[in-house]
Amino acid sequence: DAALRGNNDGADWSWKAVLPHFRGMEDNNRLLNDYHG
């Protein structure tokens, strides 16, 4: 995210921004919390 600052029509690539994608795709057999879906 820091490396991409300065883009026109930029997108947030921080951990906070990508974590929902990881959690949304995940069906974990043990974990369900802020990190896992």
ModelCIF file with pLDDT and N, C-alpha, C, O atoms, coordinates in Angstrom:
data_MODEL
#
_entry.id   MODEL 
#
_entity.id                         1 
_entity.type                       polymer 
_entity.pdbx_number_of_molecules   1 
#
_entity_poly.entity_id                      1 
_entity_poly.type                           'polypeptide(L)' 
_entity_poly.nstd_linkage                   no 
_entity_poly.nstd_monomer                   no 
_entity_poly.pdbx_seq_one_letter_code       DAALRGNNDGADWSWKAVLPHFRGMEDNNRLLNDYHG 
_entity_poly.pdbx_seq_one_letter_code_can   DAALRGNNDGADWSWKAVLPHFRGMEDNNRLLNDYHG 
_entity_poly.pdbx_strand_id                 A 
#
loop_
_entity_poly_seq.entity_id 
_entity_poly_seq.num 
_entity_poly_seq.mon_id 
_entity_poly_seq.hetero 
1 1  ASP n 
1 2  ALA n 
1 3  ALA n 
1 4  LEU n 
1 5  ARG n 
1 6  GLY n 
1 7  ASN n 
1 8  ASN n 
1 9  ASP n 
1 10 GLY n 
1 11 ALA n 
1 12 ASP n 
1 13 TRP n 
1 14 SER n 
1 15 TRP n 
1 16 LYS n 
1 17 ALA n 
1 18 VAL n 
1 19 LEU n 
1 20 PRO n 
1 21 HIS n 
1 22 PHE n 
1 23 ARG n 
1 24 GLY n 
1 25 MET n 
1 26 GLU n 
1 27 ASP n 
1 28 ASN n 
1 29 ASN n 
1 30 ARG n 
1 31 LEU n 
1 32 LEU n 
1 33 ASN n 
1 34 ASP n 
1 35 TYR n 
1 36 HIS n 
1 37 GLY n 
#
_struct_asym.id          A 
_struct_asym.entity_id   1 
#
loop_
_ma_qa_metric.id 
_ma_qa_metric.mode 
_ma_qa_metric.name 
_ma_qa_metric.software_group_id 
_ma_qa_metric.type 
1 global pLDDT . pLDDT 
2 local  pLDDT . pLDDT 
#
_ma_qa_metric_global.metric_id      1 
_ma_qa_metric_global.metric_value   93.00 
_ma_qa_metric_global.model_id       1 
_ma_qa_metric_global.ordinal_id     1 
#
loop_
_ma_qa_metric_local.label_asym_id 
_ma_qa_metric_local.label_comp_id 
_ma_qa_metric_local.label_seq_id 
_ma_qa_metric_local.metric_id 
_ma_qa_metric_local.metric_value 
_ma_qa_metric_local.model_id 
_ma_qa_metric_local.ordinal_id 
A ASP 1  2 96.00 1 1  
A ALA 2  2 94.00 1 2  
A ALA 3  2 93.00 1 3  
A LEU 4  2 93.00 1 4  
A ARG 5  2 85.00 1 5  
A GLY 6  2 75.00 1 6  
A ASN 7  2 71.00 1 7  
A ASN 8  2 61.00 1 8  
A ASP 9  2 71.00 1 9  
A GLY 10 2 75.00 1 10 
A ALA 11 2 91.00 1 11 
A ASP 12 2 94.00 1 12 
A TRP 13 2 97.00 1 13 
A SER 14 2 97.00 1 14 
A TRP 15 2 98.00 1 15 
A LYS 16 2 97.00 1 16 
A ALA 17 2 97.00 1 17 
A VAL 18 2 98.00 1 18 
A LEU 19 2 98.00 1 19 
A PRO 20 2 98.00 1 20 
A HIS 21 2 98.00 1 21 
A PHE 22 2 98.00 1 22 
A ARG 23 2 98.00 1 23 
A GLY 24 2 98.00 1 24 
A MET 25 2 98.00 1 25 
A GLU 26 2 98.00 1 26 
A ASP 27 2 98.00 1 27 
A ASN 28 2 98.00 1 28 
A ASN 29 2 97.00 1 29 
A ARG 30 2 97.00 1 30 
A LEU 31 2 98.00 1 31 
A LEU 32 2 98.00 1 32 
A ASN 33 2 97.00 1 33 
A ASP 34 2 97.00 1 34 
A TYR 35 2 98.00 1 35 
A HIS 36 2 98.00 1 36 
A GLY 37 2 98.00 1 37 
#
loop_
_atom_site.group_PDB 
_atom_site.id 
_atom_site.type_symbol 
_atom_site.label_atom_id 
_atom_site.label_alt_id 
_atom_site.label_comp_id 
_atom_site.label_asym_id 
_atom_site.label_entity_id 
_atom_site.label_seq_id 
_atom_site.pdbx_PDB_ins_code 
_atom_site.Cartn_x 
_atom_site.Cartn_y 
_atom_site.Cartn_z 
_atom_site.occupancy 
_atom_site.B_iso_or_equiv 
_atom_site.pdbx_formal_charge 
_atom_site.auth_seq_id 
_atom_site.auth_comp_id 
_atom_site.auth_asym_id 
_atom_site.auth_atom_id 
_atom_site.pdbx_PDB_model_num 
ATOM 1   N N  . ASP A 1 1  ? 0.832   -1.205  0.000   1.00 96.00 ? 1  ASP A N  1 
ATOM 2   C CA . ASP A 1 1  ? 0.000   0.000   0.000   1.00 96.00 ? 1  ASP A CA 1 
ATOM 3   C C  . ASP A 1 1  ? 0.862   1.248   0.000   1.00 96.00 ? 1  ASP A C  1 
ATOM 4   O O  . ASP A 1 1  ? 0.567   2.207   -0.713  1.00 96.00 ? 1  ASP A O  1 
ATOM 5   N N  . ALA A 1 2  ? 1.935   1.243   0.802   1.00 94.00 ? 2  ALA A N  1 
ATOM 6   C CA . ALA A 1 2  ? 2.835   2.400   0.847   1.00 94.00 ? 2  ALA A CA 1 
ATOM 7   C C  . ALA A 1 2  ? 3.510   2.622   -0.503  1.00 94.00 ? 2  ALA A C  1 
ATOM 8   O O  . ALA A 1 2  ? 3.683   3.762   -0.934  1.00 94.00 ? 2  ALA A O  1 
ATOM 9   N N  . ALA A 1 3  ? 3.892   1.526   -1.173  1.00 93.00 ? 3  ALA A N  1 
ATOM 10  C CA . ALA A 1 3  ? 4.564   1.644   -2.470  1.00 93.00 ? 3  ALA A CA 1 
ATOM 11  C C  . ALA A 1 3  ? 3.633   2.160   -3.559  1.00 93.00 ? 3  ALA A C  1 
ATOM 12  O O  . ALA A 1 3  ? 4.094   2.722   -4.552  1.00 93.00 ? 3  ALA A O  1 
ATOM 13  N N  . LEU A 1 4  ? 2.327   1.976   -3.382  1.00 93.00 ? 4  LEU A N  1 
ATOM 14  C CA . LEU A 1 4  ? 1.367   2.345   -4.421  1.00 93.00 ? 4  LEU A CA 1 
ATOM 15  C C  . LEU A 1 4  ? 0.755   3.714   -4.206  1.00 93.00 ? 4  LEU A C  1 
ATOM 16  O O  . LEU A 1 4  ? -0.035  4.165   -5.035  1.00 93.00 ? 4  LEU A O  1 
ATOM 17  N N  . ARG A 1 5  ? 1.089   4.375   -3.141  1.00 85.00 ? 5  ARG A N  1 
ATOM 18  C CA . ARG A 1 5  ? 0.556   5.718   -2.932  1.00 85.00 ? 5  ARG A CA 1 
ATOM 19  C C  . ARG A 1 5  ? 0.999   6.633   -4.056  1.00 85.00 ? 5  ARG A C  1 
ATOM 20  O O  . ARG A 1 5  ? 2.153   6.573   -4.481  1.00 85.00 ? 5  ARG A O  1 
ATOM 21  N N  . GLY A 1 6  ? 0.110   7.472   -4.541  1.00 75.00 ? 6  GLY A N  1 
ATOM 22  C CA . GLY A 1 6  ? 0.434   8.364   -5.647  1.00 75.00 ? 6  GLY A CA 1 
ATOM 23  C C  . GLY A 1 6  ? -0.182  7.926   -6.953  1.00 75.00 ? 6  GLY A C  1 
ATOM 24  O O  . GLY A 1 6  ? 0.033   8.566   -7.982  1.00 75.00 ? 6  GLY A O  1 
ATOM 25  N N  . ASN A 1 7  ? -0.965  6.820   -6.934  1.00 71.00 ? 7  ASN A N  1 
ATOM 26  C CA . ASN A 1 7  ? -1.659  6.404   -8.144  1.00 71.00 ? 7  ASN A CA 1 
ATOM 27  C C  . ASN A 1 7  ? -2.902  7.245   -8.370  1.00 71.00 ? 7  ASN A C  1 
ATOM 28  O O  . ASN A 1 7  ? -3.579  7.637   -7.419  1.00 71.00 ? 7  ASN A O  1 
ATOM 29  N N  . ASN A 1 8  ? -3.195  7.518   -9.619  1.00 61.00 ? 8  ASN A N  1 
ATOM 30  C CA . ASN A 1 8  ? -4.500  8.066   -9.952  1.00 61.00 ? 8  ASN A CA 1 
ATOM 31  C C  . ASN A 1 8  ? -5.538  6.985   -9.710  1.00 61.00 ? 8  ASN A C  1 
ATOM 32  O O  . ASN A 1 8  ? -5.327  5.828   -10.073 1.00 61.00 ? 8  ASN A O  1 
ATOM 33  N N  . ASP A 1 9  ? -6.664  7.355   -9.095  1.00 71.00 ? 9  ASP A N  1 
ATOM 34  C CA . ASP A 1 9  ? -7.725  6.394   -8.830  1.00 71.00 ? 9  ASP A CA 1 
ATOM 35  C C  . ASP A 1 9  ? -7.163  5.178   -8.103  1.00 71.00 ? 9  ASP A C  1 
ATOM 36  O O  . ASP A 1 9  ? -7.454  4.034   -8.454  1.00 71.00 ? 9  ASP A O  1 
ATOM 37  N N  . GLY A 1 10 ? -6.349  5.448   -7.079  1.00 75.00 ? 10 GLY A N  1 
ATOM 38  C CA . GLY A 1 10 ? -5.655  4.380   -6.387  1.00 75.00 ? 10 GLY A CA 1 
ATOM 39  C C  . GLY A 1 10 ? -6.584  3.491   -5.588  1.00 75.00 ? 10 GLY A C  1 
ATOM 40  O O  . GLY A 1 10 ? -7.737  3.841   -5.337  1.00 75.00 ? 10 GLY A O  1 
ATOM 41  N N  . ALA A 1 11 ? -6.064  2.328   -5.187  1.00 91.00 ? 11 ALA A N  1 
ATOM 42  C CA . ALA A 1 11 ? -6.806  1.368   -4.376  1.00 91.00 ? 11 ALA A CA 1 
ATOM 43  C C  . ALA A 1 11 ? -5.999  1.076   -3.126  1.00 91.00 ? 11 ALA A C  1 
ATOM 44  O O  . ALA A 1 11 ? -4.768  1.109   -3.146  1.00 91.00 ? 11 ALA A O  1 
ATOM 45  N N  . ASP A 1 12 ? -6.690  0.795   -2.053  1.00 94.00 ? 12 ASP A N  1 
ATOM 46  C CA . ASP A 1 12 ? -6.064  0.466   -0.785  1.00 94.00 ? 12 ASP A CA 1 
ATOM 47  C C  . ASP A 1 12 ? -5.601  -0.992  -0.820  1.00 94.00 ? 12 ASP A C  1 
ATOM 48  O O  . ASP A 1 12 ? -6.409  -1.895  -1.034  1.00 94.00 ? 12 ASP A O  1 
ATOM 49  N N  . TRP A 1 13 ? -4.301  -1.221  -0.609  1.00 97.00 ? 13 TRP A N  1 
ATOM 50  C CA . TRP A 1 13 ? -3.759  -2.576  -0.585  1.00 97.00 ? 13 TRP A CA 1 
ATOM 51  C C  . TRP A 1 13 ? -3.238  -2.957  0.798   1.00 97.00 ? 13 TRP A C  1 
ATOM 52  O O  . TRP A 1 13 ? -2.474  -3.912  0.934   1.00 97.00 ? 13 TRP A O  1 
ATOM 53  N N  . SER A 1 14 ? -3.644  -2.219  1.812   1.00 97.00 ? 14 SER A N  1 
ATOM 54  C CA . SER A 1 14 ? -3.191  -2.520  3.167   1.00 97.00 ? 14 SER A CA 1 
ATOM 55  C C  . SER A 1 14 ? -3.759  -3.858  3.637   1.00 97.00 ? 14 SER A C  1 
ATOM 56  O O  . SER A 1 14 ? -4.667  -4.416  3.021   1.00 97.00 ? 14 SER A O  1 
ATOM 57  N N  . TRP A 1 15 ? -3.207  -4.357  4.735   1.00 98.00 ? 15 TRP A N  1 
ATOM 58  C CA . TRP A 1 15 ? -3.707  -5.599  5.325   1.00 98.00 ? 15 TRP A CA 1 
ATOM 59  C C  . TRP A 1 15 ? -5.195  -5.487  5.645   1.00 98.00 ? 15 TRP A C  1 
ATOM 60  O O  . TRP A 1 15 ? -5.954  -6.432  5.432   1.00 98.00 ? 15 TRP A O  1 
ATOM 61  N N  . LYS A 1 16 ? -5.602  -4.339  6.152   1.00 97.00 ? 16 LYS A N  1 
ATOM 62  C CA . LYS A 1 16 ? -7.008  -4.137  6.483   1.00 97.00 ? 16 LYS A CA 1 
ATOM 63  C C  . LYS A 1 16 ? -7.888  -4.262  5.249   1.00 97.00 ? 16 LYS A C  1 
ATOM 64  O O  . LYS A 1 16 ? -9.030  -4.712  5.347   1.00 97.00 ? 16 LYS A O  1 
ATOM 65  N N  . ALA A 1 17 ? -7.367  -3.866  4.079   1.00 97.00 ? 17 ALA A N  1 
ATOM 66  C CA . ALA A 1 17 ? -8.152  -3.917  2.839   1.00 97.00 ? 17 ALA A CA 1 
ATOM 67  C C  . ALA A 1 17 ? -8.203  -5.311  2.233   1.00 97.00 ? 17 ALA A C  1 
ATOM 68  O O  . ALA A 1 17 ? -9.228  -5.696  1.670   1.00 97.00 ? 17 ALA A O  1 
ATOM 69  N N  . VAL A 1 18 ? -7.107  -6.086  2.337   1.00 98.00 ? 18 VAL A N  1 
ATOM 70  C CA . VAL A 1 18 ? -7.086  -7.404  1.680   1.00 98.00 ? 18 VAL A CA 1 
ATOM 71  C C  . VAL A 1 18 ? -7.648  -8.504  2.575   1.00 98.00 ? 18 VAL A C  1 
ATOM 72  O O  . VAL A 1 18 ? -8.098  -9.533  2.070   1.00 98.00 ? 18 VAL A O  1 
ATOM 73  N N  . LEU A 1 19 ? -7.633  -8.306  3.901   1.00 98.00 ? 19 LEU A N  1 
ATOM 74  C CA . LEU A 1 19 ? -8.102  -9.354  4.802   1.00 98.00 ? 19 LEU A CA 1 
ATOM 75  C C  . LEU A 1 19 ? -9.534  -9.812  4.504   1.00 98.00 ? 19 LEU A C  1 
ATOM 76  O O  . LEU A 1 19 ? -9.788  -11.015 4.557   1.00 98.00 ? 19 LEU A O  1 
ATOM 77  N N  . PRO A 1 20 ? -10.486 -8.915  4.191   1.00 98.00 ? 20 PRO A N  1 
ATOM 78  C CA . PRO A 1 20 ? -11.837 -9.401  3.873   1.00 98.00 ? 20 PRO A CA 1 
ATOM 79  C C  . PRO A 1 20 ? -11.879 -10.356 2.680   1.00 98.00 ? 20 PRO A C  1 
ATOM 80  O O  . PRO A 1 20 ? -12.734 -11.240 2.632   1.00 98.00 ? 20 PRO A O  1 
ATOM 81  N N  . HIS A 1 21 ? -10.973 -10.193 1.725   1.00 98.00 ? 21 HIS A N  1 
ATOM 82  C CA . HIS A 1 21 ? -10.931 -11.121 0.590   1.00 98.00 ? 21 HIS A CA 1 
ATOM 83  C C  . HIS A 1 21 ? -10.492 -12.501 1.056   1.00 98.00 ? 21 HIS A C  1 
ATOM 84  O O  . HIS A 1 21 ? -11.094 -13.506 0.678   1.00 98.00 ? 21 HIS A O  1 
ATOM 85  N N  . PHE A 1 22 ? -9.433  -12.556 1.884   1.00 98.00 ? 22 PHE A N  1 
ATOM 86  C CA . PHE A 1 22 ? -8.988  -13.839 2.416   1.00 98.00 ? 22 PHE A CA 1 
ATOM 87  C C  . PHE A 1 22 ? -10.098 -14.497 3.238   1.00 98.00 ? 22 PHE A C  1 
ATOM 88  O O  . PHE A 1 22 ? -10.408 -15.672 3.041   1.00 98.00 ? 22 PHE A O  1 
ATOM 89  N N  . ARG A 1 23 ? -10.688 -13.744 4.151   1.00 98.00 ? 23 ARG A N  1 
ATOM 90  C CA . ARG A 1 23 ? -11.711 -14.314 5.023   1.00 98.00 ? 23 ARG A CA 1 
ATOM 91  C C  . ARG A 1 23 ? -12.949 -14.757 4.234   1.00 98.00 ? 23 ARG A C  1 
ATOM 92  O O  . ARG A 1 23 ? -13.552 -15.787 4.535   1.00 98.00 ? 23 ARG A O  1 
ATOM 93  N N  . GLY A 1 24 ? -13.317 -13.966 3.221   1.00 98.00 ? 24 GLY A N  1 
ATOM 94  C CA . GLY A 1 24 ? -14.516 -14.281 2.454   1.00 98.00 ? 24 GLY A CA 1 
ATOM 95  C C  . GLY A 1 24 ? -14.402 -15.556 1.645   1.00 98.00 ? 24 GLY A C  1 
ATOM 96  O O  . GLY A 1 24 ? -15.407 -16.227 1.408   1.00 98.00 ? 24 GLY A O  1 
ATOM 97  N N  . MET A 1 25 ? -13.186 -15.909 1.211   1.00 98.00 ? 25 MET A N  1 
ATOM 98  C CA . MET A 1 25 ? -12.987 -17.119 0.417   1.00 98.00 ? 25 MET A CA 1 
ATOM 99  C C  . MET A 1 25 ? -12.809 -18.363 1.275   1.00 98.00 ? 25 MET A C  1 
ATOM 100 O O  . MET A 1 25 ? -12.864 -19.476 0.751   1.00 98.00 ? 25 MET A O  1 
ATOM 101 N N  . GLU A 1 26 ? -12.598 -18.207 2.570   1.00 98.00 ? 26 GLU A N  1 
ATOM 102 C CA . GLU A 1 26 ? -12.113 -19.276 3.436   1.00 98.00 ? 26 GLU A CA 1 
ATOM 103 C C  . GLU A 1 26 ? -13.252 -20.022 4.137   1.00 98.00 ? 26 GLU A C  1 
ATOM 104 O O  . GLU A 1 26 ? -14.198 -19.415 4.641   1.00 98.00 ? 26 GLU A O  1 
ATOM 105 N N  . ASP A 1 27 ? -13.135 -21.344 4.156   1.00 98.00 ? 27 ASP A N  1 
ATOM 106 C CA . ASP A 1 27 ? -13.980 -22.197 4.988   1.00 98.00 ? 27 ASP A CA 1 
ATOM 107 C C  . ASP A 1 27 ? -13.038 -23.008 5.879   1.00 98.00 ? 27 ASP A C  1 
ATOM 108 O O  . ASP A 1 27 ? -12.627 -24.113 5.523   1.00 98.00 ? 27 ASP A O  1 
ATOM 109 N N  . ASN A 1 28 ? -12.705 -22.444 7.038   1.00 98.00 ? 28 ASN A N  1 
ATOM 110 C CA . ASN A 1 28 ? -11.721 -23.052 7.928   1.00 98.00 ? 28 ASN A CA 1 
ATOM 111 C C  . ASN A 1 28 ? -12.397 -24.077 8.826   1.00 98.00 ? 28 ASN A C  1 
ATOM 112 O O  . ASN A 1 28 ? -13.499 -23.847 9.324   1.00 98.00 ? 28 ASN A O  1 
ATOM 113 N N  . ASN A 1 29 ? -11.733 -25.212 9.030   1.00 97.00 ? 29 ASN A N  1 
ATOM 114 C CA . ASN A 1 29 ? -12.348 -26.273 9.834   1.00 97.00 ? 29 ASN A CA 1 
ATOM 115 C C  . ASN A 1 29 ? -12.056 -26.140 11.330  1.00 97.00 ? 29 ASN A C  1 
ATOM 116 O O  . ASN A 1 29 ? -12.535 -26.948 12.125  1.00 97.00 ? 29 ASN A O  1 
ATOM 117 N N  . ARG A 1 30 ? -11.264 -25.112 11.724  1.00 97.00 ? 30 ARG A N  1 
ATOM 118 C CA . ARG A 1 30 ? -10.943 -24.933 13.144  1.00 97.00 ? 30 ARG A CA 1 
ATOM 119 C C  . ARG A 1 30 ? -11.131 -23.509 13.612  1.00 97.00 ? 30 ARG A C  1 
ATOM 120 O O  . ARG A 1 30 ? -11.539 -23.285 14.751  1.00 97.00 ? 30 ARG A O  1 
ATOM 121 N N  . LEU A 1 31 ? -10.845 -22.543 12.763  1.00 98.00 ? 31 LEU A N  1 
ATOM 122 C CA . LEU A 1 31 ? -10.742 -21.149 13.201  1.00 98.00 ? 31 LEU A CA 1 
ATOM 123 C C  . LEU A 1 31 ? -11.866 -20.300 12.627  1.00 98.00 ? 31 LEU A C  1 
ATOM 124 O O  . LEU A 1 31 ? -12.210 -20.428 11.452  1.00 98.00 ? 31 LEU A O  1 
ATOM 125 N N  . LEU A 1 32 ? -12.431 -19.444 13.447  1.00 98.00 ? 32 LEU A N  1 
ATOM 126 C CA . LEU A 1 32 ? -13.387 -18.424 13.014  1.00 98.00 ? 32 LEU A CA 1 
ATOM 127 C C  . LEU A 1 32 ? -13.195 -17.234 13.943  1.00 98.00 ? 32 LEU A C  1 
ATOM 128 O O  . LEU A 1 32 ? -13.648 -17.251 15.087  1.00 98.00 ? 32 LEU A O  1 
ATOM 129 N N  . ASN A 1 33 ? -12.519 -16.200 13.443  1.00 97.00 ? 33 ASN A N  1 
ATOM 130 C CA . ASN A 1 33 ? -12.179 -15.046 14.269  1.00 97.00 ? 33 ASN A CA 1 
ATOM 131 C C  . ASN A 1 33 ? -11.872 -13.867 13.354  1.00 97.00 ? 33 ASN A C  1 
ATOM 132 O O  . ASN A 1 33 ? -12.253 -13.878 12.184  1.00 97.00 ? 33 ASN A O  1 
ATOM 133 N N  . ASP A 1 34 ? -11.198 -12.865 13.868  1.00 97.00 ? 34 ASP A N  1 
ATOM 134 C CA . ASP A 1 34 ? -10.890 -11.681 13.068  1.00 97.00 ? 34 ASP A CA 1 
ATOM 135 C C  . ASP A 1 34 ? -10.001 -11.998 11.878  1.00 97.00 ? 34 ASP A C  1 
ATOM 136 O O  . ASP A 1 34 ? -9.966  -11.236 10.912  1.00 97.00 ? 34 ASP A O  1 
ATOM 137 N N  . TYR A 1 35 ? -9.274  -13.123 11.935  1.00 98.00 ? 35 TYR A N  1 
ATOM 138 C CA . TYR A 1 35 ? -8.323  -13.472 10.880  1.00 98.00 ? 35 TYR A CA 1 
ATOM 139 C C  . TYR A 1 35 ? -8.873  -14.529 9.915   1.00 98.00 ? 35 TYR A C  1 
ATOM 140 O O  . TYR A 1 35 ? -8.371  -14.659 8.799   1.00 98.00 ? 35 TYR A O  1 
ATOM 141 N N  . HIS A 1 36 ? -9.882  -15.274 10.322  1.00 98.00 ? 36 HIS A N  1 
ATOM 142 C CA . HIS A 1 36 ? -10.305 -16.439 9.548   1.00 98.00 ? 36 HIS A CA 1 
ATOM 143 C C  . HIS A 1 36 ? -11.809 -16.460 9.348   1.00 98.00 ? 36 HIS A C  1 
ATOM 144 O O  . HIS A 1 36 ? -12.577 -15.970 10.175  1.00 98.00 ? 36 HIS A O  1 
ATOM 145 N N  . GLY A 1 37 ? -12.211 -17.048 8.214   1.00 98.00 ? 37 GLY A N  1 
ATOM 146 C CA . GLY A 1 37 ? -13.615 -17.127 7.869   1.00 98.00 ? 37 GLY A CA 1 
ATOM 147 C C  . GLY A 1 37 ? -14.109 -18.552 7.788   1.00 98.00 ? 37 GLY A C  1 
ATOM 148 O O  . GLY A 1 37 ? -15.284 -18.782 7.504   1.00 98.00 ? 37 GLY A O  1 
#
